[in-house]
PDB file of all heavy atoms in Angstrom:
ATOM      1  N   TRP A   1       0.828  -1.202   0.000  1.00  0.00           N
ATOM      2  CA  TRP A   1       0.000   0.000   0.000  1.00  0.00           C
ATOM      3  C   TRP A   1       0.865   1.255   0.000  1.00  0.00           C
ATOM      4  O   TRP A   1       0.644   2.179  -0.784  1.00  0.00           O
ATOM      5  CB  TRP A   1      -0.928  -0.022   1.215  1.00  0.00           C
ATOM      6  CG  TRP A   1      -1.617   1.270   1.504  1.00  0.00           C
ATOM      7  CD1 TRP A   1      -1.278   2.180   2.449  1.00  0.00           C
ATOM      8  CD2 TRP A   1      -2.748   1.809   0.826  1.00  0.00           C
ATOM      9  NE1 TRP A   1      -2.126   3.254   2.425  1.00  0.00           N
ATOM     10  CE2 TRP A   1      -3.043   3.054   1.438  1.00  0.00           C
ATOM     11  CE3 TRP A   1      -3.544   1.371  -0.215  1.00  0.00           C
ATOM     12  CZ2 TRP A   1      -4.101   3.853   1.017  1.00  0.00           C
ATOM     13  CZ3 TRP A   1      -4.605   2.169  -0.630  1.00  0.00           C
ATOM     14  CH2 TRP A   1      -4.867   3.394  -0.024  1.00  0.00           C
ATOM     15  N   ARG A   2       1.873   1.280   0.879  1.00  0.00           N
ATOM     16  CA  ARG A   2       2.735   2.463   0.957  1.00  0.00           C
ATOM     17  C   ARG A   2       3.482   2.662  -0.360  1.00  0.00           C
ATOM     18  O   ARG A   2       3.637   3.798  -0.840  1.00  0.00           O
ATOM     19  CB  ARG A   2       3.707   2.325   2.134  1.00  0.00           C
ATOM     20  CG  ARG A   2       3.058   2.423   3.513  1.00  0.00           C
ATOM     21  CD  ARG A   2       4.099   2.572   4.617  1.00  0.00           C
ATOM     22  NE  ARG A   2       4.921   1.379   4.749  1.00  0.00           N
ATOM     23  CZ  ARG A   2       4.642   0.352   5.562  1.00  0.00           C
ATOM     24  NH1 ARG A   2       3.531   0.381   6.301  1.00  0.00           N
ATOM     25  NH2 ARG A   2       5.451  -0.679   5.657  1.00  0.00           N
ATOM     26  N   ARG A   3       3.973   1.589  -0.935  1.00  0.00           N
ATOM     27  CA  ARG A   3       4.729   1.685  -2.196  1.00  0.00           C
ATOM     28  C   ARG A   3       3.845   2.180  -3.345  1.00  0.00           C
ATOM     29  O   ARG A   3       4.275   2.975  -4.175  1.00  0.00           O
ATOM     30  CB  ARG A   3       5.304   0.310  -2.532  1.00  0.00           C
ATOM     31  CG  ARG A   3       6.285   0.315  -3.705  1.00  0.00           C
ATOM     32  CD  ARG A   3       7.003  -1.008  -3.818  1.00  0.00           C
ATOM     33  NE  ARG A   3       6.161  -2.080  -4.323  1.00  0.00           N
ATOM     34  CZ  ARG A   3       5.802  -3.147  -3.618  1.00  0.00           C
ATOM     35  NH1 ARG A   3       6.209  -3.296  -2.365  1.00  0.00           N
ATOM     36  NH2 ARG A   3       5.037  -4.080  -4.150  1.00  0.00           N
ATOM     37  N   SER A   4       2.599   1.736  -3.365  1.00  0.00           N
ATOM     38  CA  SER A   4       1.695   2.084  -4.465  1.00  0.00           C
ATOM     39  C   SER A   4       1.117   3.489  -4.347  1.00  0.00           C
ATOM     40  O   SER A   4       0.744   4.087  -5.360  1.00  0.00           O
ATOM     41  CB  SER A   4       0.542   1.072  -4.531  1.00  0.00           C
ATOM     42  OG  SER A   4       1.020  -0.233  -4.790  1.00  0.00           O
ATOM     43  N   THR A   5       1.036   4.019  -3.122  1.00  0.00           N
ATOM     44  CA  THR A   5       0.336   5.290  -2.930  1.00  0.00           C
ATOM     45  C   THR A   5       1.256   6.473  -2.711  1.00  0.00           C
ATOM     46  O   THR A   5       0.784   7.624  -2.740  1.00  0.00           O
ATOM     47  CB  THR A   5      -0.627   5.191  -1.725  1.00  0.00           C
ATOM     48  OG1 THR A   5       0.121   4.873  -0.536  1.00  0.00           O
ATOM     49  CG2 THR A   5      -1.679   4.125  -1.968  1.00  0.00           C
ATOM     50  N   THR A   6       2.524   6.250  -2.494  1.00  0.00           N
ATOM     51  CA  THR A   6       3.433   7.361  -2.215  1.00  0.00           C
ATOM     52  C   THR A   6       3.386   8.409  -3.326  1.00  0.00           C
ATOM     53  O   THR A   6       3.609   8.113  -4.501  1.00  0.00           O
ATOM     54  CB  THR A   6       4.878   6.852  -2.062  1.00  0.00           C
ATOM     55  OG1 THR A   6       4.941   5.946  -0.961  1.00  0.00           O
ATOM     56  CG2 THR A   6       5.832   8.011  -1.809  1.00  0.00           C
ATOM     57  N   GLY A   7       3.051   9.630  -2.938  1.00  0.00           N
ATOM     58  CA  GLY A   7       2.968  10.730  -3.881  1.00  0.00           C
ATOM     59  C   GLY A   7       1.719  10.733  -4.751  1.00  0.00           C
ATOM     60  O   GLY A   7       1.539  11.642  -5.573  1.00  0.00           O
ATOM     61  N   ARG A   8       0.842   9.749  -4.578  1.00  0.00           N
ATOM     62  CA  ARG A   8      -0.344   9.636  -5.440  1.00  0.00           C
ATOM     63  C   ARG A   8      -1.618   9.416  -4.633  1.00  0.00           C
ATOM     64  O   ARG A   8      -2.669   9.091  -5.186  1.00  0.00           O
ATOM     65  CB  ARG A   8      -0.187   8.440  -6.404  1.00  0.00           C
ATOM     66  CG  ARG A   8       1.047   8.452  -7.254  1.00  0.00           C
ATOM     67  CD  ARG A   8       1.102   7.177  -8.086  1.00  0.00           C
ATOM     68  NE  ARG A   8      -0.049   7.073  -8.981  1.00  0.00           N
ATOM     69  CZ  ARG A   8      -0.518   5.894  -9.420  1.00  0.00           C
ATOM     70  NH1 ARG A   8       0.032   4.760  -9.033  1.00  0.00           N
ATOM     71  NH2 ARG A   8      -1.555   5.868 -10.249  1.00  0.00           N
ATOM     72  N   LEU A   9      -1.540   9.612  -3.335  1.00  0.00           N
ATOM     73  CA  LEU A   9      -2.640   9.212  -2.457  1.00  0.00           C
ATOM     74  C   LEU A   9      -3.953   9.885  -2.832  1.00  0.00           C
ATOM     75  O   LEU A   9      -5.002   9.237  -2.941  1.00  0.00           O
ATOM     76  CB  LEU A   9      -2.279   9.511  -1.001  1.00  0.00           C
ATOM     77  CG  LEU A   9      -3.235   8.951   0.049  1.00  0.00           C
ATOM     78  CD1 LEU A   9      -3.331   7.436  -0.075  1.00  0.00           C
ATOM     79  CD2 LEU A   9      -2.772   9.330   1.449  1.00  0.00           C
ATOM     80  N   GLN A  10      -3.922  11.214  -3.037  1.00  0.00           N
ATOM     81  CA  GLN A  10      -5.159  11.933  -3.331  1.00  0.00           C
ATOM     82  C   GLN A  10      -5.737  11.502  -4.686  1.00  0.00           C
ATOM     83  O   GLN A  10      -6.943  11.263  -4.813  1.00  0.00           O
ATOM     84  CB  GLN A  10      -4.918  13.443  -3.327  1.00  0.00           C
ATOM     85  CG  GLN A  10      -6.201  14.255  -3.534  1.00  0.00           C
ATOM     86  CD  GLN A  10      -5.962  15.740  -3.350  1.00  0.00           C
ATOM     87  OE1 GLN A  10      -4.866  16.176  -3.005  1.00  0.00           O
ATOM     88  NE2 GLN A  10      -6.999  16.527  -3.569  1.00  0.00           N
ATOM     89  N   GLU A  11      -4.879  11.393  -5.680  1.00  0.00           N
ATOM     90  CA  GLU A  11      -5.341  10.966  -7.006  1.00  0.00           C
ATOM     91  C   GLU A  11      -5.994   9.591  -6.945  1.00  0.00           C
ATOM     92  O   GLU A  11      -7.073   9.363  -7.516  1.00  0.00           O
ATOM     93  CB  GLU A  11      -4.140  10.913  -7.958  1.00  0.00           C
ATOM     94  CG  GLU A  11      -4.417  10.238  -9.298  1.00  0.00           C
ATOM     95  CD  GLU A  11      -3.202   9.538  -9.864  1.00  0.00           C
ATOM     96  OE1 GLU A  11      -2.067   9.857  -9.445  1.00  0.00           O
ATOM     97  OE2 GLU A  11      -3.383   8.658 -10.722  1.00  0.00           O
ATOM     98  N   LEU A  12      -5.340   8.661  -6.250  1.00  0.00           N
ATOM     99  CA  LEU A  12      -5.863   7.299  -6.176  1.00  0.00           C
ATOM    100  C   LEU A  12      -7.150   7.239  -5.367  1.00  0.00           C
ATOM    101  O   LEU A  12      -8.053   6.456  -5.684  1.00  0.00           O
ATOM    102  CB  LEU A  12      -4.806   6.370  -5.574  1.00  0.00           C
ATOM    103  CG  LEU A  12      -3.549   6.185  -6.423  1.00  0.00           C
ATOM    104  CD1 LEU A  12      -2.487   5.428  -5.641  1.00  0.00           C
ATOM    105  CD2 LEU A  12      -3.877   5.457  -7.720  1.00  0.00           C
ATOM    106  N   ALA A  13      -7.249   8.072  -4.321  1.00  0.00           N
ATOM    107  CA  ALA A  13      -8.473   8.110  -3.522  1.00  0.00           C
ATOM    108  C   ALA A  13      -9.656   8.575  -4.366  1.00  0.00           C
ATOM    109  O   ALA A  13     -10.763   8.023  -4.275  1.00  0.00           O
ATOM    110  CB  ALA A  13      -8.284   9.023  -2.314  1.00  0.00           C
ATOM    111  N   VAL A  14      -9.435   9.573  -5.201  1.00  0.00           N
ATOM    112  CA  VAL A  14     -10.509  10.072  -6.080  1.00  0.00           C
ATOM    113  C   VAL A  14     -10.933   8.996  -7.062  1.00  0.00           C
ATOM    114  O   VAL A  14     -12.132   8.744  -7.276  1.00  0.00           O
ATOM    115  CB  VAL A  14     -10.049  11.347  -6.819  1.00  0.00           C
ATOM    116  CG1 VAL A  14     -11.043  11.718  -7.918  1.00  0.00           C
ATOM    117  CG2 VAL A  14      -9.887  12.495  -5.832  1.00  0.00           C
ATOM    118  N   ARG A  15      -9.965   8.328  -7.675  1.00  0.00           N
ATOM    119  CA  ARG A  15     -10.281   7.296  -8.661  1.00  0.00           C
ATOM    120  C   ARG A  15     -10.997   6.110  -8.011  1.00  0.00           C
ATOM    121  O   ARG A  15     -11.905   5.511  -8.603  1.00  0.00           O
ATOM    122  CB  ARG A  15      -9.010   6.834  -9.367  1.00  0.00           C
ATOM    123  CG  ARG A  15      -8.402   7.891 -10.282  1.00  0.00           C
ATOM    124  CD  ARG A  15      -7.095   7.395 -10.894  1.00  0.00           C
ATOM    125  NE  ARG A  15      -7.319   6.161 -11.659  1.00  0.00           N
ATOM    126  CZ  ARG A  15      -6.324   5.387 -12.094  1.00  0.00           C
ATOM    127  NH1 ARG A  15      -5.063   5.705 -11.821  1.00  0.00           N
ATOM    128  NH2 ARG A  15      -6.596   4.302 -12.779  1.00  0.00           N
ATOM    129  N   THR A  16     -10.587   5.773  -6.786  1.00  0.00           N
ATOM    130  CA  THR A  16     -11.240   4.667  -6.088  1.00  0.00           C
ATOM    131  C   THR A  16     -12.693   4.998  -5.783  1.00  0.00           C
ATOM    132  O   THR A  16     -13.593   4.175  -6.015  1.00  0.00           O
ATOM    133  CB  THR A  16     -10.494   4.347  -4.779  1.00  0.00           C
ATOM    134  OG1 THR A  16      -9.153   3.953  -5.087  1.00  0.00           O
ATOM    135  CG2 THR A  16     -11.187   3.241  -4.013  1.00  0.00           C
ATOM    136  N   ARG A  17     -12.939   6.208  -5.296  1.00  0.00           N
ATOM    137  CA  ARG A  17     -14.318   6.594  -4.975  1.00  0.00           C
ATOM    138  C   ARG A  17     -15.171   6.612  -6.237  1.00  0.00           C
ATOM    139  O   ARG A  17     -16.345   6.198  -6.211  1.00  0.00           O
ATOM    140  CB  ARG A  17     -14.354   7.953  -4.286  1.00  0.00           C
ATOM    141  CG  ARG A  17     -15.734   8.319  -3.752  1.00  0.00           C
ATOM    142  CD  ARG A  17     -15.701   9.562  -2.884  1.00  0.00           C
ATOM    143  NE  ARG A  17     -16.980   9.727  -2.205  1.00  0.00           N
ATOM    144  CZ  ARG A  17     -18.052  10.291  -2.734  1.00  0.00           C
ATOM    145  NH1 ARG A  17     -17.998  10.781  -3.980  1.00  0.00           N
ATOM    146  NH2 ARG A  17     -19.185  10.387  -2.061  1.00  0.00           N
ATOM    147  N   GLU A  18     -14.632   7.088  -7.342  1.00  0.00           N
ATOM    148  CA  GLU A  18     -15.378   7.082  -8.603  1.00  0.00           C
ATOM    149  C   GLU A  18     -15.756   5.660  -9.004  1.00  0.00           C
ATOM    150  O   GLU A  18     -16.885   5.402  -9.460  1.00  0.00           O
ATOM    151  CB  GLU A  18     -14.548   7.740  -9.705  1.00  0.00           C
ATOM    152  CG  GLU A  18     -14.394   9.244  -9.550  1.00  0.00           C
ATOM    153  CD  GLU A  18     -13.406   9.837 -10.542  1.00  0.00           C
ATOM    154  OE1 GLU A  18     -12.645   9.068 -11.186  1.00  0.00           O
ATOM    155  OE2 GLU A  18     -13.365  11.077 -10.671  1.00  0.00           O
ATOM    156  N   SER A  19     -14.840   4.716  -8.826  1.00  0.00           N
ATOM    157  CA  SER A  19     -15.112   3.322  -9.152  1.00  0.00           C
ATOM    158  C   SER A  19     -16.169   2.736  -8.223  1.00  0.00           C
ATOM    159  O   SER A  19     -17.049   1.975  -8.661  1.00  0.00           O
ATOM    160  CB  SER A  19     -13.825   2.491  -9.062  1.00  0.00           C
ATOM    161  OG  SER A  19     -12.886   2.893 -10.033  1.00  0.00           O
ATOM    162  N   VAL A  20     -16.093   3.078  -6.945  1.00  0.00           N
ATOM    163  CA  VAL A  20     -17.092   2.615  -5.976  1.00  0.00           C
ATOM    164  C   VAL A  20     -18.481   3.108  -6.378  1.00  0.00           C
ATOM    165  O   VAL A  20     -19.458   2.334  -6.406  1.00  0.00           O
ATOM    166  CB  VAL A  20     -16.729   3.101  -4.565  1.00  0.00           C
ATOM    167  CG1 VAL A  20     -17.916   2.970  -3.612  1.00  0.00           C
ATOM    168  CG2 VAL A  20     -15.536   2.325  -4.028  1.00  0.00           C
ATOM    169  N   LEU A  21     -18.589   4.379  -6.715  1.00  0.00           N
ATOM    170  CA  LEU A  21     -19.894   4.934  -7.073  1.00  0.00           C
ATOM    171  C   LEU A  21     -20.424   4.340  -8.367  1.00  0.00           C
ATOM    172  O   LEU A  21     -21.637   4.122  -8.518  1.00  0.00           O
ATOM    173  CB  LEU A  21     -19.803   6.458  -7.173  1.00  0.00           C
ATOM    174  CG  LEU A  21     -19.495   7.185  -5.856  1.00  0.00           C
ATOM    175  CD1 LEU A  21     -19.407   8.689  -6.082  1.00  0.00           C
ATOM    176  CD2 LEU A  21     -20.538   6.857  -4.788  1.00  0.00           C
ATOM    177  N   ARG A  22     -19.534   4.029  -9.323  1.00  0.00           N
ATOM    178  CA  ARG A  22     -19.973   3.368 -10.556  1.00  0.00           C
ATOM    179  C   ARG A  22     -20.548   1.993 -10.255  1.00  0.00           C
ATOM    180  O   ARG A  22     -21.573   1.589 -10.821  1.00  0.00           O
ATOM    181  CB  ARG A  22     -18.814   3.262 -11.543  1.00  0.00           C
ATOM    182  CG  ARG A  22     -18.565   4.508 -12.373  1.00  0.00           C
ATOM    183  CD  ARG A  22     -17.691   4.212 -13.582  1.00  0.00           C
ATOM    184  NE  ARG A  22     -16.377   3.715 -13.206  1.00  0.00           N
ATOM    185  CZ  ARG A  22     -15.332   4.503 -12.962  1.00  0.00           C
ATOM    186  NH1 ARG A  22     -15.450   5.822 -13.061  1.00  0.00           N
ATOM    187  NH2 ARG A  22     -14.160   3.979 -12.643  1.00  0.00           N
ATOM    188  N   GLN A  23     -19.883   1.272  -9.370  1.00  0.00           N
ATOM    189  CA  GLN A  23     -20.397  -0.054  -9.046  1.00  0.00           C
ATOM    190  C   GLN A  23     -21.730   0.028  -8.316  1.00  0.00           C
ATOM    191  O   GLN A  23     -22.655  -0.757  -8.612  1.00  0.00           O
ATOM    192  CB  GLN A  23     -19.362  -0.835  -8.231  1.00  0.00           C
ATOM    193  CG  GLN A  23     -18.161  -1.269  -9.058  1.00  0.00           C
ATOM    194  CD  GLN A  23     -17.349  -2.366  -8.397  1.00  0.00           C
ATOM    195  OE1 GLN A  23     -17.726  -2.935  -7.371  1.00  0.00           O
ATOM    196  NE2 GLN A  23     -16.199  -2.690  -8.989  1.00  0.00           N
ATOM    197  N   TYR A  24     -21.865   0.962  -7.406  1.00  0.00           N
ATOM    198  CA  TYR A  24     -23.154   1.091  -6.715  1.00  0.00           C
ATOM    199  C   TYR A  24     -24.257   1.538  -7.677  1.00  0.00           C
ATOM    200  O   TYR A  24     -25.426   1.153  -7.514  1.00  0.00           O
ATOM    201  CB  TYR A  24     -23.045   2.036  -5.525  1.00  0.00           C
ATOM    202  CG  TYR A  24     -22.436   1.389  -4.298  1.00  0.00           C
ATOM    203  CD1 TYR A  24     -21.537   2.075  -3.501  1.00  0.00           C
ATOM    204  CD2 TYR A  24     -22.765   0.082  -3.946  1.00  0.00           C
ATOM    205  CE1 TYR A  24     -20.973   1.475  -2.378  1.00  0.00           C
ATOM    206  CE2 TYR A  24     -22.213  -0.518  -2.835  1.00  0.00           C
ATOM    207  CZ  TYR A  24     -21.318   0.181  -2.051  1.00  0.00           C
ATOM    208  OH  TYR A  24     -20.772  -0.420  -0.941  1.00  0.00           O
ATOM    209  N   ALA A  25     -23.906   2.330  -8.680  1.00  0.00           N
ATOM    210  CA  ALA A  25     -24.895   2.681  -9.714  1.00  0.00           C
ATOM    211  C   ALA A  25     -25.349   1.426 -10.455  1.00  0.00           C
ATOM    212  O   ALA A  25     -26.531   1.279 -10.800  1.00  0.00           O
ATOM    213  CB  ALA A  25     -24.308   3.695 -10.686  1.00  0.00           C
ATOM    214  N   GLY A  26     -24.428   0.506 -10.696  1.00  0.00           N
ATOM    215  CA  GLY A  26     -24.788  -0.762 -11.323  1.00  0.00           C
ATOM    216  C   GLY A  26     -25.696  -1.594 -10.435  1.00  0.00           C
ATOM    217  O   GLY A  26     -26.632  -2.245 -10.926  1.00  0.00           O
ATOM    218  N   ALA A  27     -25.446  -1.576  -9.129  1.00  0.00           N
ATOM    219  CA  ALA A  27     -26.309  -2.291  -8.192  1.00  0.00           C
ATOM    220  C   ALA A  27     -27.707  -1.681  -8.172  1.00  0.00           C
ATOM    221  O   ALA A  27     -28.715  -2.403  -8.161  1.00  0.00           O
ATOM    222  CB  ALA A  27     -25.702  -2.259  -6.793  1.00  0.00           C
ATOM    223  N   ARG A  28     -27.769  -0.364  -8.181  1.00  0.00           N
ATOM    224  CA  ARG A  28     -29.067   0.306  -8.194  1.00  0.00           C
ATOM    225  C   ARG A  28     -29.865  -0.076  -9.441  1.00  0.00           C
ATOM    226  O   ARG A  28     -31.066  -0.383  -9.359  1.00  0.00           O
ATOM    227  CB  ARG A  28     -28.869   1.819  -8.127  1.00  0.00           C
ATOM    228  CG  ARG A  28     -30.180   2.607  -8.119  1.00  0.00           C
ATOM    229  CD  ARG A  28     -29.957   4.108  -8.211  1.00  0.00           C
ATOM    230  NE  ARG A  28     -31.220   4.816  -8.201  1.00  0.00           N
ATOM    231  CZ  ARG A  28     -31.815   5.296  -7.132  1.00  0.00           C
ATOM    232  NH1 ARG A  28     -31.239   5.163  -5.949  1.00  0.00           N
ATOM    233  NH2 ARG A  28     -32.989   5.907  -7.213  1.00  0.00           N
ATOM    234  N   GLU A  29     -29.209  -0.056 -10.591  1.00  0.00           N
ATOM    235  CA  GLU A  29     -29.897  -0.420 -11.828  1.00  0.00           C
ATOM    236  C   GLU A  29     -30.412  -1.855 -11.769  1.00  0.00           C
ATOM    237  O   GLU A  29     -31.526  -2.152 -12.214  1.00  0.00           O
ATOM    238  CB  GLU A  29     -28.949  -0.257 -13.009  1.00  0.00           C
ATOM    239  CG  GLU A  29     -29.587  -0.564 -14.356  1.00  0.00           C
ATOM    240  CD  GLU A  29     -28.635  -0.357 -15.519  1.00  0.00           C
ATOM    241  OE1 GLU A  29     -27.513   0.117 -15.288  1.00  0.00           O
ATOM    242  OE2 GLU A  29     -29.030  -0.652 -16.665  1.00  0.00           O
TER     243      GLU A  29
END
């Protein structure tokens, strides 16, 4: 986790949340 997120934490957090919301949109549908 530390190796993958160093210097990219905020960017990766945004992308992860976007993916989470896309999946929940699929569940809603």
